[in-house]
Amino acid sequence: MPEGDTIYRAAAALKRALVGRTVTRFETAYAQLARVDDQISFAGQTIEEVWSQGKHLLMRFSGGQTLRTHMRMNGSWHIYRPGDRWQRPRADLRILIETGPAPPDAVGIVAVAFSVPVAELLDDRALLRAPALRRLGPDLLGDAFDPARARERVRQGADRPIGEIPLDQSVAAGAGNVYRSEVLFLSSLDPARLTRTVNDAELEAMFALTRKLMQANVASSGTAAGGGIVTYTGLRRTTGRGDPGARLWVYGRSGRPCRRCGTPIEYRKVGPDARGLFYCPRCQR
């Protein structure tokens, strides 16, 4: 599943490509979006802003509607020039937004959401009340992120294994399963350790580290060859090493030696959804 850093990169690429341009065509496979388009017509409207909020990608139009999409496991946004060959089949199209040219470009842009399972259009009032957004904790990649706010949300909840916390989007929004394994390892935290035994400084340090790692992975442009973007490329790094085979500390390395102590990495399912994580039983005792 795409994590917050890849959604952030996708939003940044879409923002650069689309903001300020006028929509010339809006096409969708979703009836509820098509009904809104029939009523107000997106053609002729300007795209005013594109941003990410946790794992949600939002696009605001000048008519007052905001498009919210969530990628889940397989969704992605791509950017093309008119006439470019698409990297995914048309059968996967869920939303298409085409714009006209804008200086200094002499041609338009085609943004396509492929296999995006969650999409809705929200007016200003509905955007403020949207349950999927209101339940989110502070955005790990937001300018105003404060680890203390995330720590407070942990304390307000029930005592539970620390291994559940990084995936709880109501505590801090944006991290997924890769960061969960990596940050718990780098923080020397046993996934089964209860939150009441983790002090405030440890919690805040964990959230600060998550933010730092995610920020390091949004430094790239988020664009692919030919101008397209793919929401998840599989090239996320936490070790700082250039070798693709050495880019992560523990994630996906079950049975292989820990990069620090040599102990075989183990795999365990933790949390209400039994999501698997990877950890070192020695470094994280």
C-alpha atoms as a PDB file:
ATOM      1  CA  MET A   1       0.000   0.000   0.000  1.00  0.00           C
ATOM      2  CA  PRO A   2       1.332   3.481  -0.827  1.00  0.00           C
ATOM      3  CA  GLU A   3       2.464   5.331   2.281  1.00  0.00           C
ATOM      4  CA  GLY A   4       2.281   9.025   3.056  1.00  0.00           C
ATOM      5  CA  ASP A   5       5.619   9.878   1.460  1.00  0.00           C
ATOM      6  CA  THR A   6       4.590   8.482  -1.933  1.00  0.00           C
ATOM      7  CA  ILE A   7       1.212  10.228  -1.769  1.00  0.00           C
ATOM      8  CA  TYR A   8       3.057  13.442  -0.895  1.00  0.00           C
ATOM      9  CA  ARG A   9       5.290  13.031  -3.958  1.00  0.00           C
ATOM     10  CA  ALA A  10       2.289  12.267  -6.155  1.00  0.00           C
ATOM     11  CA  ALA A  11       0.497  15.370  -4.910  1.00  0.00           C
ATOM     12  CA  ALA A  12       3.603  17.495  -5.488  1.00  0.00           C
ATOM     13  CA  ALA A  13       3.930  16.248  -9.066  1.00  0.00           C
ATOM     14  CA  LEU A  14       0.228  16.788  -9.789  1.00  0.00           C
ATOM     15  CA  LYS A  15       0.419  20.250  -8.260  1.00  0.00           C
ATOM     16  CA  ARG A  16       3.302  21.263 -10.514  1.00  0.00           C
ATOM     17  CA  ALA A  17       1.560  19.845 -13.561  1.00  0.00           C
ATOM     18  CA  LEU A  18      -2.024  20.986 -13.020  1.00  0.00           C
ATOM     19  CA  VAL A  19      -2.447  23.985 -10.710  1.00  0.00           C
ATOM     20  CA  GLY A  20      -3.523  27.070 -12.628  1.00  0.00           C
ATOM     21  CA  ARG A  21      -4.610  25.104 -15.686  1.00  0.00           C
ATOM     22  CA  THR A  22      -8.139  24.968 -17.069  1.00  0.00           C
ATOM     23  CA  VAL A  23      -9.914  21.628 -17.299  1.00  0.00           C
ATOM     24  CA  THR A  24     -10.959  20.700 -20.839  1.00  0.00           C
ATOM     25  CA  ARG A  25     -12.211  17.158 -20.145  1.00  0.00           C
ATOM     26  CA  PHE A  26     -13.349  15.236 -17.071  1.00  0.00           C
ATOM     27  CA  GLU A  27     -14.038  11.523 -17.397  1.00  0.00           C
ATOM     28  CA  THR A  28     -14.757   8.968 -14.697  1.00  0.00           C
ATOM     29  CA  ALA A  29     -15.826   5.372 -14.237  1.00  0.00           C
ATOM     30  CA  TYR A  30     -17.634   6.302 -11.004  1.00  0.00           C
ATOM     31  CA  ALA A  31     -21.305   7.183 -11.332  1.00  0.00           C
ATOM     32  CA  GLN A  32     -21.324   9.428  -8.263  1.00  0.00           C
ATOM     33  CA  LEU A  33     -18.523  11.582  -9.699  1.00  0.00           C
ATOM     34  CA  ALA A  34     -20.153  11.638 -13.141  1.00  0.00           C
ATOM     35  CA  ARG A  35     -23.402  12.922 -11.612  1.00  0.00           C
ATOM     36  CA  VAL A  36     -21.588  15.873 -10.056  1.00  0.00           C
ATOM     37  CA  ASP A  37     -19.881  16.594 -13.370  1.00  0.00           C
ATOM     38  CA  ASP A  38     -23.260  16.498 -15.131  1.00  0.00           C
ATOM     39  CA  GLN A  39     -24.610  19.054 -12.672  1.00  0.00           C
ATOM     40  CA  ILE A  40     -21.746  21.553 -12.538  1.00  0.00           C
ATOM     41  CA  SER A  41     -19.337  20.544 -15.377  1.00  0.00           C
ATOM     42  CA  PHE A  42     -15.659  20.561 -14.497  1.00  0.00           C
ATOM     43  CA  ALA A  43     -14.744  21.575 -18.052  1.00  0.00           C
ATOM     44  CA  GLY A  44     -13.889  25.260 -17.898  1.00  0.00           C
ATOM     45  CA  GLN A  45     -12.964  25.202 -14.209  1.00  0.00           C
ATOM     46  CA  THR A  46      -9.438  25.866 -12.968  1.00  0.00           C
ATOM     47  CA  ILE A  47      -7.480  23.519 -10.734  1.00  0.00           C
ATOM     48  CA  GLU A  48      -6.604  25.665  -7.735  1.00  0.00           C
ATOM     49  CA  GLU A  49      -4.645  23.343  -5.438  1.00  0.00           C
ATOM     50  CA  VAL A  50      -3.405  19.794  -4.985  1.00  0.00           C
ATOM     51  CA  TRP A  51      -2.172  18.494  -1.629  1.00  0.00           C
ATOM     52  CA  SER A  52      -1.831  15.378   0.475  1.00  0.00           C
ATOM     53  CA  GLN A  53      -3.215  14.708   3.934  1.00  0.00           C
ATOM     54  CA  GLY A  54      -1.824  11.499   5.374  1.00  0.00           C
ATOM     55  CA  LYS A  55      -2.554   8.875   2.709  1.00  0.00           C
ATOM     56  CA  HIS A  56      -5.286  10.958   1.056  1.00  0.00           C
ATOM     57  CA  LEU A  57      -4.725  13.027  -2.089  1.00  0.00           C
ATOM     58  CA  LEU A  58      -6.923  16.097  -2.572  1.00  0.00           C
ATOM     59  CA  MET A  59      -7.496  18.294  -5.623  1.00  0.00           C
ATOM     60  CA  ARG A  60      -9.514  21.514  -5.443  1.00  0.00           C
ATOM     61  CA  PHE A  61     -11.406  22.995  -8.401  1.00  0.00           C
ATOM     62  CA  SER A  62     -12.439  26.632  -8.813  1.00  0.00           C
ATOM     63  CA  GLY A  63     -16.134  25.691  -8.656  1.00  0.00           C
ATOM     64  CA  GLY A  64     -15.747  24.815  -4.975  1.00  0.00           C
ATOM     65  CA  GLN A  65     -15.482  21.040  -5.226  1.00  0.00           C
ATOM     66  CA  THR A  66     -12.533  19.036  -3.886  1.00  0.00           C
ATOM     67  CA  LEU A  67     -11.718  15.574  -5.211  1.00  0.00           C
ATOM     68  CA  ARG A  68     -10.505  13.172  -2.514  1.00  0.00           C
ATOM     69  CA  THR A  69      -8.812   9.944  -3.575  1.00  0.00           C
ATOM     70  CA  HIS A  70      -7.225   7.152  -1.558  1.00  0.00           C
ATOM     71  CA  MET A  71      -4.987   4.609  -3.300  1.00  0.00           C
ATOM     72  CA  ARG A  72      -5.462   1.607  -0.977  1.00  0.00           C
ATOM     73  CA  MET A  73      -3.342  -1.261  -2.366  1.00  0.00           C
ATOM     74  CA  ASN A  74      -3.165  -0.736  -6.125  1.00  0.00           C
ATOM     75  CA  GLY A  75      -4.227   2.792  -7.020  1.00  0.00           C
ATOM     76  CA  SER A  76      -1.968   5.367  -8.651  1.00  0.00           C
ATOM     77  CA  TRP A  77      -2.056   8.712 -10.445  1.00  0.00           C
ATOM     78  CA  HIS A  78      -0.136   9.168 -13.703  1.00  0.00           C
ATOM     79  CA  ILE A  79       0.625  12.309 -15.685  1.00  0.00           C
ATOM     80  CA  TYR A  80       0.856  12.288 -19.487  1.00  0.00           C
ATOM     81  CA  ARG A  81       0.958  14.608 -22.440  1.00  0.00           C
ATOM     82  CA  PRO A  82      -1.919  14.242 -24.928  1.00  0.00           C
ATOM     83  CA  GLY A  83      -1.127  11.360 -27.257  1.00  0.00           C
ATOM     84  CA  ASP A  84       1.362   9.657 -24.900  1.00  0.00           C
ATOM     85  CA  ARG A  85       1.067   5.916 -24.521  1.00  0.00           C
ATOM     86  CA  TRP A  86      -0.324   5.004 -21.104  1.00  0.00           C
ATOM     87  CA  GLN A  87       1.582   2.676 -18.821  1.00  0.00           C
ATOM     88  CA  ARG A  88      -1.606   0.962 -17.650  1.00  0.00           C
ATOM     89  CA  PRO A  89      -4.630  -0.291 -19.627  1.00  0.00           C
ATOM     90  CA  ARG A  90      -7.653   1.919 -20.183  1.00  0.00           C
ATOM     91  CA  ALA A  91      -9.740  -0.654 -18.309  1.00  0.00           C
ATOM     92  CA  ASP A  92      -7.968   0.526 -15.127  1.00  0.00           C
ATOM     93  CA  LEU A  93      -9.041   4.151 -15.656  1.00  0.00           C
ATOM     94  CA  ARG A  94     -11.129   5.538 -12.812  1.00  0.00           C
ATOM     95  CA  ILE A  95     -10.695   9.301 -13.287  1.00  0.00           C
ATOM     96  CA  LEU A  96      -9.248  11.348 -16.151  1.00  0.00           C
ATOM     97  CA  ILE A  97      -8.625  15.077 -15.990  1.00  0.00           C
ATOM     98  CA  GLU A  98      -7.329  16.792 -19.114  1.00  0.00           C
ATOM     99  CA  THR A  99      -6.261  20.415 -19.185  1.00  0.00           C
ATOM    100  CA  GLY A 100      -5.374  22.861 -21.891  1.00  0.00           C
ATOM    101  CA  PRO A 101      -1.926  24.349 -22.457  1.00  0.00           C
ATOM    102  CA  ALA A 102      -0.514  26.942 -20.082  1.00  0.00           C
ATOM    103  CA  PRO A 103       2.632  29.060 -20.509  1.00  0.00           C
ATOM    104  CA  PRO A 104       5.366  28.116 -21.028  1.00  0.00           C
ATOM    105  CA  ASP A 105       3.917  24.769 -22.237  1.00  0.00           C
ATOM    106  CA  ALA A 106       2.340  24.626 -25.655  1.00  0.00           C
ATOM    107  CA  VAL A 107       0.431  21.432 -24.938  1.00  0.00           C
ATOM    108  CA  GLY A 108      -1.979  20.242 -22.293  1.00  0.00           C
ATOM    109  CA  ILE A 109      -1.762  17.686 -19.519  1.00  0.00           C
ATOM    110  CA  VAL A 110      -3.655  14.431 -18.983  1.00  0.00           C
ATOM    111  CA  ALA A 111      -3.834  13.199 -15.381  1.00  0.00           C
ATOM    112  CA  VAL A 112      -5.215   9.689 -14.963  1.00  0.00           C
ATOM    113  CA  ALA A 113      -6.141   7.874 -11.747  1.00  0.00           C
ATOM    114  CA  PHE A 114      -5.770   4.139 -12.307  1.00  0.00           C
ATOM    115  CA  SER A 115      -7.465   1.538 -10.072  1.00  0.00           C
ATOM    116  CA  VAL A 116      -8.159   4.127  -7.379  1.00  0.00           C
ATOM    117  CA  PRO A 117     -10.792   2.435  -5.190  1.00  0.00           C
ATOM    118  CA  VAL A 118     -11.841   5.474  -3.129  1.00  0.00           C
ATOM    119  CA  ALA A 119     -12.932   8.728  -4.753  1.00  0.00           C
ATOM    120  CA  GLU A 120     -15.428  11.382  -3.766  1.00  0.00           C
ATOM    121  CA  LEU A 121     -16.209  14.993  -4.553  1.00  0.00           C
ATOM    122  CA  LEU A 122     -16.769  17.274  -1.576  1.00  0.00           C
ATOM    123  CA  ASP A 123     -17.982  20.861  -1.364  1.00  0.00           C
ATOM    124  CA  ASP A 124     -16.391  23.134   1.223  1.00  0.00           C
ATOM    125  CA  ARG A 125     -18.803  22.173   3.996  1.00  0.00           C
ATOM    126  CA  ALA A 126     -18.542  18.442   3.308  1.00  0.00           C
ATOM    127  CA  LEU A 127     -14.751  18.680   3.184  1.00  0.00           C
ATOM    128  CA  LEU A 128     -14.660  20.051   6.723  1.00  0.00           C
ATOM    129  CA  ARG A 129     -16.945  17.269   7.944  1.00  0.00           C
ATOM    130  CA  ALA A 130     -15.497  14.354   5.947  1.00  0.00           C
ATOM    131  CA  PRO A 131     -15.106  11.469   8.455  1.00  0.00           C
ATOM    132  CA  ALA A 132     -12.102  10.013   6.628  1.00  0.00           C
ATOM    133  CA  LEU A 133     -10.210  13.292   7.116  1.00  0.00           C
ATOM    134  CA  ARG A 134     -11.535  14.371  10.515  1.00  0.00           C
ATOM    135  CA  ARG A 135     -10.338  11.184  12.190  1.00  0.00           C
ATOM    136  CA  LEU A 136      -6.753  11.730  11.055  1.00  0.00           C
ATOM    137  CA  GLY A 137      -4.055  12.629  13.529  1.00  0.00           C
ATOM    138  CA  PRO A 138      -1.414  15.256  12.715  1.00  0.00           C
ATOM    139  CA  ASP A 139       0.147  14.749   9.280  1.00  0.00           C
ATOM    140  CA  LEU A 140       3.709  13.434   9.651  1.00  0.00           C
ATOM    141  CA  LEU A 141       4.761  15.445   6.606  1.00  0.00           C
ATOM    142  CA  GLY A 142       2.796  18.561   7.488  1.00  0.00           C
ATOM    143  CA  ASP A 143       4.672  21.801   8.138  1.00  0.00           C
ATOM    144  CA  ALA A 144       3.179  22.078  11.612  1.00  0.00           C
ATOM    145  CA  PHE A 145       3.744  18.490  12.737  1.00  0.00           C
ATOM    146  CA  ASP A 146       4.570  18.284  16.446  1.00  0.00           C
ATOM    147  CA  PRO A 147       5.608  14.898  17.938  1.00  0.00           C
ATOM    148  CA  ALA A 148       4.072  16.001  21.251  1.00  0.00           C
ATOM    149  CA  ARG A 149       0.598  16.115  19.678  1.00  0.00           C
ATOM    150  CA  ALA A 150       0.968  12.540  18.434  1.00  0.00           C
ATOM    151  CA  ARG A 151       2.264  11.465  21.846  1.00  0.00           C
ATOM    152  CA  GLU A 152      -0.802  13.032  23.495  1.00  0.00           C
ATOM    153  CA  ARG A 153      -3.075  11.006  21.222  1.00  0.00           C
ATOM    154  CA  VAL A 154      -1.313   7.819  22.263  1.00  0.00           C
ATOM    155  CA  ARG A 155      -1.867   8.675  25.922  1.00  0.00           C
ATOM    156  CA  GLN A 156      -5.541   9.430  25.321  1.00  0.00           C
ATOM    157  CA  GLY A 157      -6.099   5.920  23.970  1.00  0.00           C
ATOM    158  CA  ALA A 158      -6.116   2.518  25.607  1.00  0.00           C
ATOM    159  CA  ASP A 159      -2.939   0.711  26.599  1.00  0.00           C
ATOM    160  CA  ARG A 160      -1.828  -1.503  23.698  1.00  0.00           C
ATOM    161  CA  PRO A 161       1.289  -2.882  22.009  1.00  0.00           C
ATOM    162  CA  ILE A 162       3.542  -0.164  20.609  1.00  0.00           C
ATOM    163  CA  GLY A 163       3.643  -2.166  17.371  1.00  0.00           C
ATOM    164  CA  GLU A 164       0.078  -1.017  16.652  1.00  0.00           C
ATOM    165  CA  ILE A 165       0.767   2.703  17.011  1.00  0.00           C
ATOM    166  CA  PRO A 166       2.619   3.592  13.772  1.00  0.00           C
ATOM    167  CA  LEU A 167      -0.266   2.283  11.658  1.00  0.00           C
ATOM    168  CA  ASP A 168      -2.942   4.151  13.610  1.00  0.00           C
ATOM    169  CA  GLN A 169      -3.778   7.077  11.343  1.00  0.00           C
ATOM    170  CA  SER A 170      -5.787   8.731  14.119  1.00  0.00           C
ATOM    171  CA  VAL A 171      -2.550   9.120  16.115  1.00  0.00           C
ATOM    172  CA  ALA A 172      -0.284  10.372  13.313  1.00  0.00           C
ATOM    173  CA  ALA A 173      -1.200  10.264   9.632  1.00  0.00           C
ATOM    174  CA  GLY A 174       0.956   8.996   6.799  1.00  0.00           C
ATOM    175  CA  ALA A 175       3.102   6.066   7.910  1.00  0.00           C
ATOM    176  CA  GLY A 176       2.460   2.523   6.734  1.00  0.00           C
ATOM    177  CA  ASN A 177       3.808  -0.948   7.301  1.00  0.00           C
ATOM    178  CA  VAL A 178       7.295  -0.358   5.935  1.00  0.00           C
ATOM    179  CA  TYR A 179       7.904   2.592   8.249  1.00  0.00           C
ATOM    180  CA  ARG A 180       6.360   0.724  11.158  1.00  0.00           C
ATOM    181  CA  SER A 181       8.972  -2.045  10.968  1.00  0.00           C
ATOM    182  CA  GLU A 182      11.859   0.299  10.250  1.00  0.00           C
ATOM    183  CA  VAL A 183      11.094   2.875  12.940  1.00  0.00           C
ATOM    184  CA  LEU A 184      10.439   0.313  15.680  1.00  0.00           C
ATOM    185  CA  PHE A 185      13.798  -1.272  14.849  1.00  0.00           C
ATOM    186  CA  LEU A 186      15.690   2.015  14.800  1.00  0.00           C
ATOM    187  CA  SER A 187      13.993   2.992  18.070  1.00  0.00           C
ATOM    188  CA  SER A 188      14.955  -0.364  19.667  1.00  0.00           C
ATOM    189  CA  LEU A 189      11.312  -0.975  20.578  1.00  0.00           C
ATOM    190  CA  ASP A 190       9.883  -4.464  20.990  1.00  0.00           C
ATOM    191  CA  PRO A 191       6.599  -4.468  18.981  1.00  0.00           C
ATOM    192  CA  ALA A 192       4.855  -6.255  21.866  1.00  0.00           C
ATOM    193  CA  ARG A 193       5.873  -3.665  24.464  1.00  0.00           C
ATOM    194  CA  LEU A 194       2.817  -1.917  25.936  1.00  0.00           C
ATOM    195  CA  THR A 195       2.452   1.812  25.448  1.00  0.00           C
ATOM    196  CA  ARG A 196       2.225   2.475  29.187  1.00  0.00           C
ATOM    197  CA  THR A 197       5.827   1.212  29.512  1.00  0.00           C
ATOM    198  CA  VAL A 198       7.087   3.566  26.775  1.00  0.00           C
ATOM    199  CA  ASN A 199       7.946   6.967  28.211  1.00  0.00           C
ATOM    200  CA  ASP A 200       7.015  10.286  26.619  1.00  0.00           C
ATOM    201  CA  ALA A 201      10.516  10.959  25.337  1.00  0.00           C
ATOM    202  CA  GLU A 202      10.637   7.577  23.591  1.00  0.00           C
ATOM    203  CA  LEU A 203       7.255   8.156  21.972  1.00  0.00           C
ATOM    204  CA  GLU A 204       8.143  11.613  20.717  1.00  0.00           C
ATOM    205  CA  ALA A 205      11.495  10.368  19.439  1.00  0.00           C
ATOM    206  CA  MET A 206       9.714   7.598  17.522  1.00  0.00           C
ATOM    207  CA  PHE A 207       7.382  10.051  15.800  1.00  0.00           C
ATOM    208  CA  ALA A 208      10.216  12.492  15.080  1.00  0.00           C
ATOM    209  CA  LEU A 209      12.239   9.688  13.498  1.00  0.00           C
ATOM    210  CA  THR A 210       9.276   8.598  11.376  1.00  0.00           C
ATOM    211  CA  ARG A 211       8.925  12.139  10.076  1.00  0.00           C
ATOM    212  CA  LYS A 212      12.663  12.382   9.367  1.00  0.00           C
ATOM    213  CA  LEU A 213      12.702   9.148   7.368  1.00  0.00           C
ATOM    214  CA  MET A 214       9.605  10.113   5.411  1.00  0.00           C
ATOM    215  CA  GLN A 215      11.015  13.550   4.626  1.00  0.00           C
ATOM    216  CA  ALA A 216      14.158  11.906   3.264  1.00  0.00           C
ATOM    217  CA  ASN A 217      11.973   9.936   0.876  1.00  0.00           C
ATOM    218  CA  VAL A 218      10.069  12.927  -0.495  1.00  0.00           C
ATOM    219  CA  ALA A 219      13.202  14.734  -1.612  1.00  0.00           C
ATOM    220  CA  SER A 220      12.868  13.241  -5.109  1.00  0.00           C
ATOM    221  CA  SER A 221      10.552  14.873  -7.613  1.00  0.00           C
ATOM    222  CA  GLY A 222       8.019  12.066  -7.792  1.00  0.00           C
ATOM    223  CA  THR A 223       8.149  12.148 -11.574  1.00  0.00           C
ATOM    224  CA  ALA A 224       9.000   9.252 -13.831  1.00  0.00           C
ATOM    225  CA  ALA A 225      10.531   9.130 -17.292  1.00  0.00           C
ATOM    226  CA  GLY A 226       8.287  10.816 -19.816  1.00  0.00           C
ATOM    227  CA  GLY A 227       6.594  12.933 -17.184  1.00  0.00           C
ATOM    228  CA  GLY A 228       4.471  10.210 -15.625  1.00  0.00           C
ATOM    229  CA  ILE A 229       4.267   9.512 -11.924  1.00  0.00           C
ATOM    230  CA  VAL A 230       3.713   6.270 -10.101  1.00  0.00           C
ATOM    231  CA  THR A 231       2.424   6.432  -6.559  1.00  0.00           C
ATOM    232  CA  TYR A 232       4.688   3.662  -5.270  1.00  0.00           C
ATOM    233  CA  THR A 233       7.988   2.640  -6.864  1.00  0.00           C
ATOM    234  CA  GLY A 234       9.363   0.265  -4.234  1.00  0.00           C
ATOM    235  CA  LEU A 235      12.541   2.328  -3.824  1.00  0.00           C
ATOM    236  CA  ARG A 236      11.911   3.690  -0.345  1.00  0.00           C
ATOM    237  CA  ARG A 237      15.122   3.855   1.731  1.00  0.00           C
ATOM    238  CA  THR A 238      15.785   4.064   5.459  1.00  0.00           C
ATOM    239  CA  THR A 239      19.424   2.979   5.661  1.00  0.00           C
ATOM    240  CA  GLY A 240      20.797   5.782   3.496  1.00  0.00           C
ATOM    241  CA  ARG A 241      22.628   3.235   1.349  1.00  0.00           C
ATOM    242  CA  GLY A 242      22.667   3.399  -2.420  1.00  0.00           C
ATOM    243  CA  ASP A 243      22.607  -0.361  -2.997  1.00  0.00           C
ATOM    244  CA  PRO A 244      18.962  -1.355  -3.709  1.00  0.00           C
ATOM    245  CA  GLY A 245      19.539  -4.581  -1.789  1.00  0.00           C
ATOM    246  CA  ALA A 246      20.586  -2.669   1.324  1.00  0.00           C
ATOM    247  CA  ARG A 247      17.970   0.083   1.380  1.00  0.00           C
ATOM    248  CA  LEU A 248      15.956  -1.191   4.390  1.00  0.00           C
ATOM    249  CA  TRP A 249      16.973  -2.381   7.861  1.00  0.00           C
ATOM    250  CA  VAL A 250      14.435  -5.128   8.562  1.00  0.00           C
ATOM    251  CA  TYR A 251      11.344  -4.885   6.359  1.00  0.00           C
ATOM    252  CA  GLY A 252      11.012  -7.868   4.026  1.00  0.00           C
ATOM    253  CA  ARG A 253      14.138  -9.520   5.460  1.00  0.00           C
ATOM    254  CA  SER A 254      12.651 -12.384   7.506  1.00  0.00           C
ATOM    255  CA  GLY A 255      15.290 -15.051   8.202  1.00  0.00           C
ATOM    256  CA  ARG A 256      18.141 -12.857   7.004  1.00  0.00           C
ATOM    257  CA  PRO A 257      20.798 -11.530   9.416  1.00  0.00           C
ATOM    258  CA  CYS A 258      20.209  -8.248  11.209  1.00  0.00           C
ATOM    259  CA  ARG A 259      22.415  -5.566   9.699  1.00  0.00           C
ATOM    260  CA  ARG A 260      23.533  -4.598  13.208  1.00  0.00           C
ATOM    261  CA  CYS A 261      23.899  -7.782  15.259  1.00  0.00           C
ATOM    262  CA  GLY A 262      23.551 -10.671  12.808  1.00  0.00           C
ATOM    263  CA  THR A 263      20.532 -12.242  14.532  1.00  0.00           C
ATOM    264  CA  PRO A 264      17.966 -13.588  12.024  1.00  0.00           C
ATOM    265  CA  ILE A 265      15.152 -11.116  11.425  1.00  0.00           C
ATOM    266  CA  GLU A 266      11.747 -12.425  12.488  1.00  0.00           C
ATOM    267  CA  TYR A 267       8.224 -11.808  11.219  1.00  0.00           C
ATOM    268  CA  ARG A 268       5.225 -11.291  13.492  1.00  0.00           C
ATOM    269  CA  LYS A 269       1.597 -10.265  13.031  1.00  0.00           C
ATOM    270  CA  VAL A 270       0.564  -7.481  15.372  1.00  0.00           C
ATOM    271  CA  GLY A 271      -2.571  -5.390  15.678  1.00  0.00           C
ATOM    272  CA  PRO A 272      -6.306  -5.629  15.046  1.00  0.00           C
ATOM    273  CA  ASP A 273      -5.811  -6.290  11.331  1.00  0.00           C
ATOM    274  CA  ALA A 274      -2.946  -8.733  11.997  1.00  0.00           C
ATOM    275  CA  ARG A 275      -0.602  -6.761   9.775  1.00  0.00           C
ATOM    276  CA  GLY A 276       2.821  -8.395   9.649  1.00  0.00           C
ATOM    277  CA  LEU A 277       5.970  -6.608  10.745  1.00  0.00           C
ATOM    278  CA  PHE A 278       9.658  -7.462  10.727  1.00  0.00           C
ATOM    279  CA  TYR A 279      11.928  -7.035  13.731  1.00  0.00           C
ATOM    280  CA  CYS A 280      15.197  -8.118  15.316  1.00  0.00           C
ATOM    281  CA  PRO A 281      14.535 -10.151  18.490  1.00  0.00           C
ATOM    282  CA  ARG A 282      17.908  -9.113  19.907  1.00  0.00           C
ATOM    283  CA  CYS A 283      18.115  -5.419  19.040  1.00  0.00           C
ATOM    284  CA  GLN A 284      14.472  -4.885  20.019  1.00  0.00           C
ATOM    285  CA  ARG A 285      14.353  -6.800  23.295  1.00  0.00           C
END
